[in-house]
Amino acid sequence: MWIYNLISFFGIFFLIFIAYIFSKDRKNINYRVVFWGIFLQFLFAFFLLKIRFGILLFSLVNRFVIKILSFANVGSYFVFGPLSISPSNTGPLGEKSLGFILAFQGLLSVIFFSSLMALLYEIGIMQKITGLFSKIFSKSMKISGAESFCSASNIFVGIESFFTIKPYLAGMTPSELCTILTASMATIASTVMGVYVSFLSKDFPTIAGHLALASILSAPAAILFSKILYPEDKTPKTLSENVCIDYKKHNSVITAIINGSYDGVKLLVGIIALLISFLGLLAMFNYIIGFIFRLIGNFFGINLELSLEKILSFIFYPFTFFMGVPLEDIPKVSKLLGERIILTELVSYKHLSEYIITKEIVNLRSVVLASYALCGFSHIASLAIFVGGLVSLIPDRTKEIASLGIRALFASNLACLLTGCVVGVFFL
C-alpha cells in the first residue's frame, strides 16, 4: 500500500529529528552532510531498485554472491561431509542433511570470503572500488579524505578498515573518530555476508543483492548521523584530500590467500565465542529479570513476563512504525531490532529466517525492510570490538575513543533504520 511508502518517507525526518535532539553541538551541524547523505542514499536506491540497468546490475550481484557462496560450500563439504549439507539439500553423492548446524552450514563461509577479499586486495581490485566510493563521499559531503576512505572501506570489510588509514588515525579529530566508529558498526563486512545469505536465500532468493545494497546505503547514512550527533568543530588534516590505502602487499598471491584464510579462522572462532558467551549470559540475565518480575506480578496478582529483548523491542516500536513496516508485523520486526543490539545481527537474521518459514512475518515488505535495518554490526559486541581495535592502534587516545563508543552505536542504529526507510520509500 502507498501509505507505507509515505510513512517511510516521513520516517527519514523522524530519525533526523531524534539525532538532532541528542546532538552534541546543534549549532555546528553541517547540513550539507545531511542533504548529501540522504541524496546519495536515494540515488543509489533509485538506481538499483527502479532503473532497468540498475535492476539488472542488482540481479547480477545477487547471482554472483549466491554463486560465490556455492564455491565456499565445496570446500566445506570436502572437509566436513554431510555436516555441511543444509536441510532440504543433498550432497554430491546423494547424502541427506543431518539437520541445521550453524557452525558447519553457516559460519564456515567466513573463511572462504576472508581469503577471497585478501585476494581481491592483493591484485588491487578492492582499492579501486573503495577509492571510487571514497571520492564520492569526500567531494559531495566535504568531509576529510581519511574518514571518507575508511567509511568506504567499511562497505566491504570490518575492523580491517582501520588499518587502511592507520597513518592518519593519531591526528584525527574526535568527530572523525566518531564517524569511522559509526561507519564500522552501521555496515557489514563481506566476509560475513555469506552467513546471512545462507540463512535466507532459500526463502528470500534476492537476499544477497539486498544485503550488498544495504551495506552501500548505510555508509553515507553513517556519516550523516555521526556528523549530526558529533558535529565537526575542528579542521581535519585531510580535509578535501584524497587518501591512499595503507596496504602492504604480500610476497605472492598465494601468501595473501593463506593469510586471508588464517584471518577468516580467527574471525570464525571469534564469532562462535561471542555467540556462546552472549547467548549464555543473556539467558542468565533474562532468568533473573523474569524471576524478579514474576515475584512482583504475583504480589499484585498480575502476570508479568519480561525479558531484555522484549523491553528493547518496545523501545523500537515507533522506529519500526516510521520505517514503514506493515502494522501486523511491527511486533516481530521490533523484536529482531531489539535483540540485534544484544545478540548480534547473526541471531536476528537466523530468527528472521524462522519467521519467514513459520509465516510469523506475513508481508514481503516487512522481510525486505527488516533485512536492510538489520544489516550492520550495530550491537554491544561490536562496540567492544571496534572501540578495542581502535584503541590498540592509538592507545594515547583511549579515554577519548571510549567516550565516543555509545554515541557511535546510537548513530549506527539510526543509520541502519534510515536505510530501511529509504528502501521503504521505493518498495511497493
Protein backbone atom coordinates (compact mmCIF):
# COMPACT_ATOMS: atom_id res chain seq x y z
CA MET A 1 0.00 0.00 0.00
CA TRP A 2 1.23 3.51 -0.89
CA ILE A 3 0.53 4.70 2.66
CA TYR A 4 3.51 2.68 3.93
CA ASN A 5 5.77 4.33 1.35
CA LEU A 6 4.62 7.68 2.71
CA ILE A 7 5.29 6.60 6.29
CA SER A 8 8.81 5.51 5.27
CA PHE A 9 9.38 8.95 3.74
CA PHE A 10 8.32 10.77 6.91
CA GLY A 11 10.37 8.26 8.89
CA ILE A 12 13.52 9.82 7.40
CA PHE A 13 12.71 13.15 9.07
CA PHE A 14 11.70 11.40 12.30
CA LEU A 15 15.14 9.76 12.57
CA ILE A 16 16.96 13.00 11.76
CA PHE A 17 14.89 14.78 14.42
CA ILE A 18 15.84 12.13 17.01
CA ALA A 19 19.52 12.59 16.11
CA TYR A 20 19.14 16.38 16.30
CA ILE A 21 17.74 16.12 19.83
CA PHE A 22 20.78 14.16 21.02
CA SER A 23 23.35 16.20 19.07
CA LYS A 24 26.46 17.24 20.99
CA ASP A 25 26.52 20.66 19.35
CA ARG A 26 23.43 21.61 17.30
CA LYS A 27 24.89 24.96 16.23
CA ASN A 28 27.76 23.27 14.39
CA ILE A 29 25.72 20.72 12.44
CA ASN A 30 26.78 20.75 8.79
CA TYR A 31 23.53 20.47 6.85
CA ARG A 32 25.43 19.85 3.62
CA VAL A 33 26.38 16.44 5.07
CA VAL A 34 22.73 15.79 5.98
CA PHE A 35 21.48 16.72 2.50
CA TRP A 36 24.09 14.74 0.59
CA GLY A 37 23.83 11.75 2.91
CA ILE A 38 20.12 11.44 2.13
CA PHE A 39 20.60 12.32 -1.55
CA LEU A 40 23.26 9.63 -2.07
CA GLN A 41 21.03 7.05 -0.40
CA PHE A 42 18.12 7.97 -2.65
CA LEU A 43 20.39 7.98 -5.69
CA PHE A 44 21.85 4.51 -5.02
CA ALA A 45 18.46 3.03 -4.06
CA PHE A 46 16.62 4.53 -7.04
CA PHE A 47 19.29 3.38 -9.48
CA LEU A 48 19.45 -0.21 -8.24
CA LEU A 49 15.75 -0.71 -7.47
CA LYS A 50 13.99 1.33 -10.17
CA ILE A 51 16.25 1.91 -13.21
CA ARG A 52 16.34 -1.02 -15.65
CA PHE A 53 20.14 -1.17 -15.87
CA GLY A 54 20.37 -0.85 -12.10
CA ILE A 55 17.87 -3.65 -11.59
CA LEU A 56 19.93 -5.82 -13.94
CA LEU A 57 23.09 -4.95 -12.00
CA PHE A 58 21.29 -5.73 -8.73
CA SER A 59 20.26 -9.13 -10.12
CA LEU A 60 23.80 -9.87 -11.30
CA VAL A 61 25.26 -9.01 -7.88
CA ASN A 62 22.69 -11.26 -6.22
CA ARG A 63 23.52 -14.18 -8.51
CA PHE A 64 27.24 -13.55 -8.15
CA VAL A 65 27.15 -13.70 -4.34
CA ILE A 66 24.96 -16.83 -4.39
CA LYS A 67 27.39 -18.47 -6.81
CA ILE A 68 30.39 -17.47 -4.71
CA LEU A 69 28.68 -18.99 -1.69
CA SER A 70 28.27 -22.26 -3.58
CA PHE A 71 32.03 -22.32 -4.15
CA ALA A 72 32.55 -21.94 -0.40
CA ASN A 73 30.28 -24.91 0.17
CA VAL A 74 32.55 -27.11 -1.99
CA GLY A 75 35.43 -26.71 0.46
CA SER A 76 33.15 -27.14 3.47
CA TYR A 77 31.72 -30.39 2.07
CA PHE A 78 35.18 -31.81 1.31
CA VAL A 79 36.28 -31.25 4.92
CA PHE A 80 33.09 -31.93 6.89
CA GLY A 81 30.95 -34.06 4.55
CA PRO A 82 27.24 -34.40 5.47
CA LEU A 83 27.66 -32.00 8.41
CA SER A 84 27.93 -29.16 5.87
CA ILE A 85 24.74 -30.05 3.97
CA SER A 86 21.86 -27.74 4.85
CA PRO A 87 18.31 -29.08 5.39
CA SER A 88 16.30 -29.89 2.24
CA ASN A 89 19.55 -30.21 0.23
CA THR A 90 21.50 -33.32 -0.70
CA GLY A 91 25.22 -33.85 -1.11
CA PRO A 92 27.04 -34.69 -4.37
CA LEU A 93 26.71 -38.39 -3.58
CA GLY A 94 23.07 -38.15 -2.54
CA GLU A 95 23.73 -37.78 1.19
CA LYS A 96 20.93 -36.31 3.26
CA SER A 97 21.34 -33.41 5.66
CA LEU A 98 21.81 -34.20 9.33
CA GLY A 99 19.79 -31.09 10.21
CA PHE A 100 20.77 -27.46 10.55
CA ILE A 101 24.12 -26.97 12.30
CA LEU A 102 25.11 -23.30 12.35
CA ALA A 103 28.86 -23.83 12.75
CA PHE A 104 29.12 -26.10 9.71
CA GLN A 105 26.42 -24.75 7.37
CA GLY A 106 26.52 -21.02 8.01
CA LEU A 107 29.72 -19.84 9.61
CA LEU A 108 32.30 -21.72 7.56
CA SER A 109 31.76 -19.39 4.59
CA VAL A 110 33.58 -16.72 6.64
CA ILE A 111 36.91 -18.43 5.92
CA PHE A 112 36.32 -18.54 2.17
CA PHE A 113 35.10 -14.95 1.95
CA SER A 114 38.04 -13.74 4.01
CA SER A 115 40.53 -15.39 1.65
CA LEU A 116 38.61 -14.03 -1.37
CA MET A 117 38.79 -10.46 -0.04
CA ALA A 118 42.51 -10.88 0.66
CA LEU A 119 42.96 -11.97 -2.96
CA LEU A 120 40.97 -9.01 -4.32
CA TYR A 121 43.03 -6.58 -2.22
CA GLU A 122 46.28 -8.21 -3.30
CA ILE A 123 45.51 -7.77 -7.01
CA GLY A 124 44.27 -4.20 -6.46
CA ILE A 125 40.58 -4.53 -7.32
CA MET A 126 39.18 -3.54 -3.92
CA GLN A 127 41.41 -0.45 -3.69
CA LYS A 128 39.87 0.93 -6.90
CA ILE A 129 36.29 0.24 -5.83
CA THR A 130 36.85 1.68 -2.36
CA GLY A 131 38.62 4.70 -3.82
CA LEU A 132 35.62 5.44 -6.05
CA PHE A 133 33.17 5.47 -3.13
CA SER A 134 35.64 7.48 -1.05
CA LYS A 135 35.81 10.23 -3.67
CA ILE A 136 32.00 10.35 -3.90
CA PHE A 137 31.70 10.81 -0.13
CA SER A 138 34.51 13.35 0.30
CA LYS A 139 33.59 15.50 -2.72
CA SER A 140 29.84 15.63 -2.04
CA MET A 141 29.83 15.93 1.76
CA LYS A 142 33.10 17.88 2.08
CA ILE A 143 34.44 15.60 4.80
CA SER A 144 38.06 14.55 5.32
CA GLY A 145 39.73 12.13 2.97
CA ALA A 146 40.69 9.81 5.84
CA GLU A 147 37.18 9.37 7.25
CA SER A 148 35.60 9.08 3.79
CA PHE A 149 38.09 6.38 2.75
CA CYS A 150 37.56 4.45 5.99
CA SER A 151 33.77 4.73 5.60
CA ALA A 152 34.02 3.49 2.02
CA SER A 153 36.22 0.58 3.14
CA ASN A 154 33.56 -0.47 5.63
CA ILE A 155 31.23 -1.31 2.75
CA PHE A 156 33.45 -4.33 2.12
CA VAL A 157 35.47 -5.06 5.27
CA GLY A 158 35.07 -4.78 9.04
CA ILE A 159 37.64 -3.78 11.61
CA GLU A 160 40.33 -4.10 8.91
CA SER A 161 39.15 -0.69 7.64
CA PHE A 162 41.06 0.99 10.47
CA PHE A 163 44.32 -0.29 9.02
CA THR A 164 43.60 1.35 5.65
CA ILE A 165 44.06 4.79 7.25
CA LYS A 166 46.46 3.83 10.05
CA PRO A 167 48.96 6.66 9.36
CA TYR A 168 46.19 9.27 9.79
CA LEU A 169 44.46 7.94 12.94
CA ALA A 170 46.59 9.72 15.56
CA GLY A 171 45.83 13.16 14.07
CA MET A 172 42.10 12.70 13.50
CA THR A 173 39.58 14.93 15.25
CA PRO A 174 37.03 13.45 17.72
CA SER A 175 34.30 13.92 15.10
CA GLU A 176 36.33 11.96 12.55
CA LEU A 177 36.92 9.15 15.05
CA CYS A 178 33.19 9.06 15.81
CA THR A 179 32.49 8.78 12.07
CA ILE A 180 34.81 5.84 11.46
CA LEU A 181 33.42 4.03 14.52
CA THR A 182 29.86 4.66 13.32
CA ALA A 183 30.62 3.52 9.78
CA SER A 184 32.22 0.35 11.15
CA MET A 185 29.07 -0.55 13.10
CA ALA A 186 26.49 0.62 10.52
CA THR A 187 27.75 -1.70 7.77
CA ILE A 188 28.69 -5.36 7.47
CA ALA A 189 31.86 -6.97 6.16
CA SER A 190 31.59 -9.04 3.01
CA THR A 191 33.32 -11.82 4.95
CA VAL A 192 30.13 -12.46 6.94
CA MET A 193 27.59 -11.63 4.24
CA GLY A 194 27.66 -15.23 3.09
CA VAL A 195 26.41 -16.35 6.52
CA TYR A 196 23.28 -14.21 6.28
CA VAL A 197 22.71 -15.24 2.68
CA SER A 198 22.90 -18.91 3.70
CA PHE A 199 20.13 -18.28 6.25
CA LEU A 200 17.70 -16.58 3.89
CA SER A 201 18.50 -17.42 0.26
CA LYS A 202 16.10 -20.36 0.04
CA ASP A 203 13.01 -18.45 1.20
CA PHE A 204 14.20 -15.00 0.08
CA PRO A 205 16.05 -15.57 -3.23
CA THR A 206 17.16 -11.95 -3.76
CA ILE A 207 18.65 -11.51 -0.28
CA ALA A 208 22.27 -11.34 -1.50
CA GLY A 209 21.57 -8.32 -3.71
CA HIS A 210 19.64 -6.60 -0.92
CA LEU A 211 22.47 -7.09 1.59
CA ALA A 212 25.06 -5.78 -0.84
CA LEU A 213 22.91 -2.69 -1.45
CA ALA A 214 22.26 -2.29 2.29
CA SER A 215 25.95 -2.02 3.10
CA ILE A 216 26.41 0.61 0.38
CA LEU A 217 23.40 2.66 1.50
CA SER A 218 24.35 2.58 5.18
CA ALA A 219 27.80 4.13 4.59
CA PRO A 220 26.54 7.65 3.75
CA ALA A 221 23.84 7.23 6.41
CA ALA A 222 26.55 6.52 8.99
CA ILE A 223 28.43 9.69 8.03
CA LEU A 224 25.19 11.68 8.18
CA PHE A 225 24.19 10.61 11.69
CA SER A 226 27.72 10.75 13.05
CA LYS A 227 28.03 14.36 11.92
CA ILE A 228 24.67 15.24 13.49
CA LEU A 229 25.41 13.56 16.82
CA TYR A 230 29.02 14.77 16.90
CA PRO A 231 29.43 17.74 14.52
CA GLU A 232 32.89 18.70 13.33
CA ASP A 233 34.24 21.64 15.35
CA LYS A 234 37.87 21.44 14.20
CA THR A 235 39.68 21.37 10.87
CA PRO A 236 40.63 17.81 9.84
CA LYS A 237 44.17 17.41 8.50
CA THR A 238 42.99 15.56 5.39
CA LEU A 239 40.03 17.82 4.58
CA SER A 240 39.38 17.82 0.81
CA GLU A 241 42.35 15.49 0.27
CA ASN A 242 42.39 12.11 -1.48
CA VAL A 243 43.78 9.46 0.85
CA CYS A 244 45.51 6.35 -0.48
CA ILE A 245 45.05 2.97 1.16
CA ASP A 246 47.78 1.86 3.54
CA TYR A 247 48.09 -1.70 2.24
CA LYS A 248 51.27 -3.78 2.40
CA LYS A 249 51.45 -6.36 -0.33
CA HIS A 250 52.38 -9.95 0.41
CA ASN A 251 55.20 -11.89 -1.22
CA SER A 252 52.72 -13.57 -3.56
CA VAL A 253 49.04 -14.08 -4.26
CA ILE A 254 49.22 -17.49 -2.58
CA THR A 255 50.60 -15.88 0.60
CA ALA A 256 47.73 -13.39 0.56
CA ILE A 257 45.17 -16.20 0.26
CA ILE A 258 46.82 -18.15 3.10
CA ASN A 259 46.87 -15.13 5.40
CA GLY A 260 43.30 -14.30 4.44
CA SER A 261 42.25 -17.83 5.34
CA TYR A 262 44.01 -17.60 8.71
CA ASP A 263 42.26 -14.28 9.37
CA GLY A 264 38.96 -15.98 8.49
CA VAL A 265 39.64 -18.72 11.04
CA LYS A 266 40.27 -16.10 13.73
CA LEU A 267 37.03 -14.33 12.80
CA LEU A 268 35.13 -17.62 12.81
CA VAL A 269 36.41 -18.56 16.27
CA GLY A 270 35.61 -15.05 17.50
CA ILE A 271 32.01 -15.26 16.22
CA ILE A 272 31.48 -18.67 17.81
CA ALA A 273 32.95 -17.48 21.12
CA LEU A 274 30.72 -14.38 21.16
CA LEU A 275 27.60 -16.41 20.39
CA ILE A 276 28.31 -18.94 23.13
CA SER A 277 29.09 -16.31 25.76
CA PHE A 278 26.43 -13.74 24.86
CA LEU A 279 23.59 -16.22 24.44
CA GLY A 280 24.51 -17.87 27.73
CA LEU A 281 24.83 -14.60 29.62
CA LEU A 282 21.57 -13.32 28.15
CA ALA A 283 19.75 -16.46 29.23
CA MET A 284 21.08 -15.96 32.76
CA PHE A 285 20.18 -12.26 32.77
CA ASN A 286 16.69 -12.94 31.41
CA TYR A 287 16.14 -15.60 34.07
CA ILE A 288 16.98 -13.05 36.78
CA ILE A 289 14.74 -10.38 35.21
CA GLY A 290 11.92 -12.88 34.71
CA PHE A 291 12.19 -14.12 38.28
CA ILE A 292 12.04 -10.58 39.72
CA PHE A 293 9.07 -9.54 37.60
CA ARG A 294 7.20 -12.76 38.32
CA LEU A 295 7.57 -12.04 42.05
CA ILE A 296 6.27 -8.51 41.53
CA GLY A 297 3.42 -9.82 39.37
CA ASN A 298 2.44 -12.44 41.92
CA PHE A 299 2.41 -9.80 44.65
CA PHE A 300 -0.05 -7.64 42.67
CA GLY A 301 -1.95 -10.59 41.20
CA ILE A 302 -0.94 -9.92 37.58
CA ASN A 303 1.11 -11.81 35.01
CA LEU A 304 4.43 -10.08 34.29
CA GLU A 305 6.69 -11.87 31.81
CA LEU A 306 9.57 -9.67 30.67
CA SER A 307 12.99 -10.17 29.10
CA LEU A 308 15.69 -7.76 27.97
CA GLU A 309 14.81 -8.40 24.31
CA LYS A 310 11.14 -7.68 24.98
CA ILE A 311 11.98 -4.41 26.74
CA LEU A 312 14.17 -3.31 23.82
CA SER A 313 11.51 -4.38 21.30
CA PHE A 314 9.06 -1.96 22.96
CA ILE A 315 11.61 0.84 22.51
CA PHE A 316 11.90 0.01 18.80
CA TYR A 317 8.13 0.04 18.14
CA PRO A 318 7.97 3.70 16.99
CA PHE A 319 11.13 3.29 14.90
CA THR A 320 9.72 0.19 13.20
CA PHE A 321 6.45 2.01 12.51
CA PHE A 322 8.21 5.01 10.92
CA MET A 323 10.36 2.68 8.85
CA GLY A 324 7.13 1.75 7.08
CA VAL A 325 6.68 -1.82 8.31
CA PRO A 326 3.04 -3.01 7.98
CA LEU A 327 1.22 -2.83 11.32
CA GLU A 328 0.74 -6.59 11.78
CA ASP A 329 4.50 -7.23 11.50
CA ILE A 330 5.73 -4.42 13.77
CA PRO A 331 5.99 -6.61 16.93
CA LYS A 332 8.19 -9.23 15.24
CA VAL A 333 10.43 -6.75 13.39
CA SER A 334 10.81 -4.68 16.58
CA LYS A 335 11.86 -7.82 18.42
CA LEU A 336 14.51 -8.54 15.77
CA LEU A 337 15.89 -4.99 16.06
CA GLY A 338 15.89 -5.17 19.84
CA GLU A 339 17.67 -8.49 20.09
CA ARG A 340 20.26 -7.41 17.49
CA ILE A 341 21.69 -4.88 19.95
CA ILE A 342 22.42 -7.63 22.47
CA LEU A 343 22.74 -10.86 20.49
CA THR A 344 24.29 -9.56 17.21
CA GLU A 345 22.67 -9.40 13.78
CA LEU A 346 23.64 -13.05 13.21
CA VAL A 347 20.98 -14.25 15.67
CA SER A 348 18.43 -11.75 14.33
CA TYR A 349 18.90 -12.93 10.73
CA LYS A 350 18.52 -16.52 11.90
CA HIS A 351 15.25 -15.62 13.63
CA LEU A 352 14.10 -13.66 10.56
CA SER A 353 14.59 -16.83 8.53
CA GLU A 354 12.49 -18.76 11.04
CA TYR A 355 9.74 -16.11 10.96
CA ILE A 356 9.57 -16.40 7.16
CA ILE A 357 9.29 -20.20 7.31
CA THR A 358 6.64 -20.17 10.07
CA LYS A 359 4.86 -17.19 8.44
CA GLU A 360 5.07 -15.18 11.66
CA ILE A 361 6.06 -12.28 9.39
CA VAL A 362 3.48 -12.22 6.62
CA ASN A 363 4.46 -9.32 4.34
CA LEU A 364 7.36 -9.35 1.88
CA ARG A 365 7.75 -5.63 2.57
CA SER A 366 8.43 -6.39 6.24
CA VAL A 367 11.03 -9.02 5.32
CA VAL A 368 12.82 -6.64 2.95
CA LEU A 369 12.87 -3.69 5.35
CA ALA A 370 13.98 -5.91 8.25
CA SER A 371 16.82 -7.25 6.08
CA TYR A 372 18.09 -3.72 5.46
CA ALA A 373 17.62 -2.46 9.03
CA LEU A 374 19.49 -5.47 10.48
CA CYS A 375 22.39 -5.15 8.05
CA GLY A 376 25.01 -3.70 10.36
CA PHE A 377 27.32 -4.52 13.27
CA SER A 378 25.20 -2.23 15.48
CA HIS A 379 25.41 -4.15 18.73
CA ILE A 380 27.25 -4.24 22.03
CA ALA A 381 29.69 -6.96 20.97
CA SER A 382 30.88 -4.90 18.00
CA LEU A 383 31.08 -1.80 20.17
CA ALA A 384 33.67 -3.62 22.28
CA ILE A 385 35.47 -5.00 19.21
CA PHE A 386 35.72 -1.72 17.27
CA VAL A 387 36.50 0.50 20.25
CA GLY A 388 39.11 -2.01 21.42
CA GLY A 389 40.59 -2.28 17.93
CA LEU A 390 40.86 1.48 17.51
CA VAL A 391 42.34 1.93 21.00
CA SER A 392 45.02 -0.66 20.20
CA LEU A 393 46.14 1.49 17.23
CA ILE A 394 46.14 4.85 19.08
CA PRO A 395 46.38 3.94 22.79
CA ASP A 396 47.15 7.52 23.88
CA ARG A 397 43.55 8.47 22.97
CA THR A 398 41.87 5.62 24.86
CA LYS A 399 39.67 7.77 27.10
CA GLU A 400 38.50 9.90 24.16
CA ILE A 401 37.64 6.89 22.00
CA ALA A 402 35.82 5.13 24.83
CA SER A 403 33.62 8.20 25.33
CA LEU A 404 32.63 8.09 21.65
CA GLY A 405 31.54 4.45 21.70
CA ILE A 406 27.90 4.74 22.85
CA ARG A 407 27.30 7.75 20.60
CA ALA A 408 28.65 5.81 17.62
CA LEU A 409 26.49 2.79 18.50
CA PHE A 410 23.41 5.02 18.63
CA ALA A 411 24.35 6.66 15.32
CA SER A 412 24.90 3.29 13.64
CA ASN A 413 21.46 2.04 14.67
CA LEU A 414 19.86 5.21 13.30
CA ALA A 415 21.85 4.74 10.07
CA CYS A 416 20.55 1.19 9.57
CA LEU A 417 16.99 2.36 10.27
CA LEU A 418 17.40 5.22 7.77
CA THR A 419 18.48 2.71 5.14
CA GLY A 420 15.28 0.78 5.84
CA CYS A 421 13.25 3.99 5.45
CA VAL A 422 14.85 4.92 2.11
CA VAL A 423 14.26 1.45 0.68
CA GLY A 424 10.71 1.59 2.11
CA VAL A 425 10.03 4.70 0.00
CA PHE A 426 10.74 2.76 -3.20
CA PHE A 427 9.50 -0.73 -2.30
CA LEU A 428 5.91 -1.35 -3.44
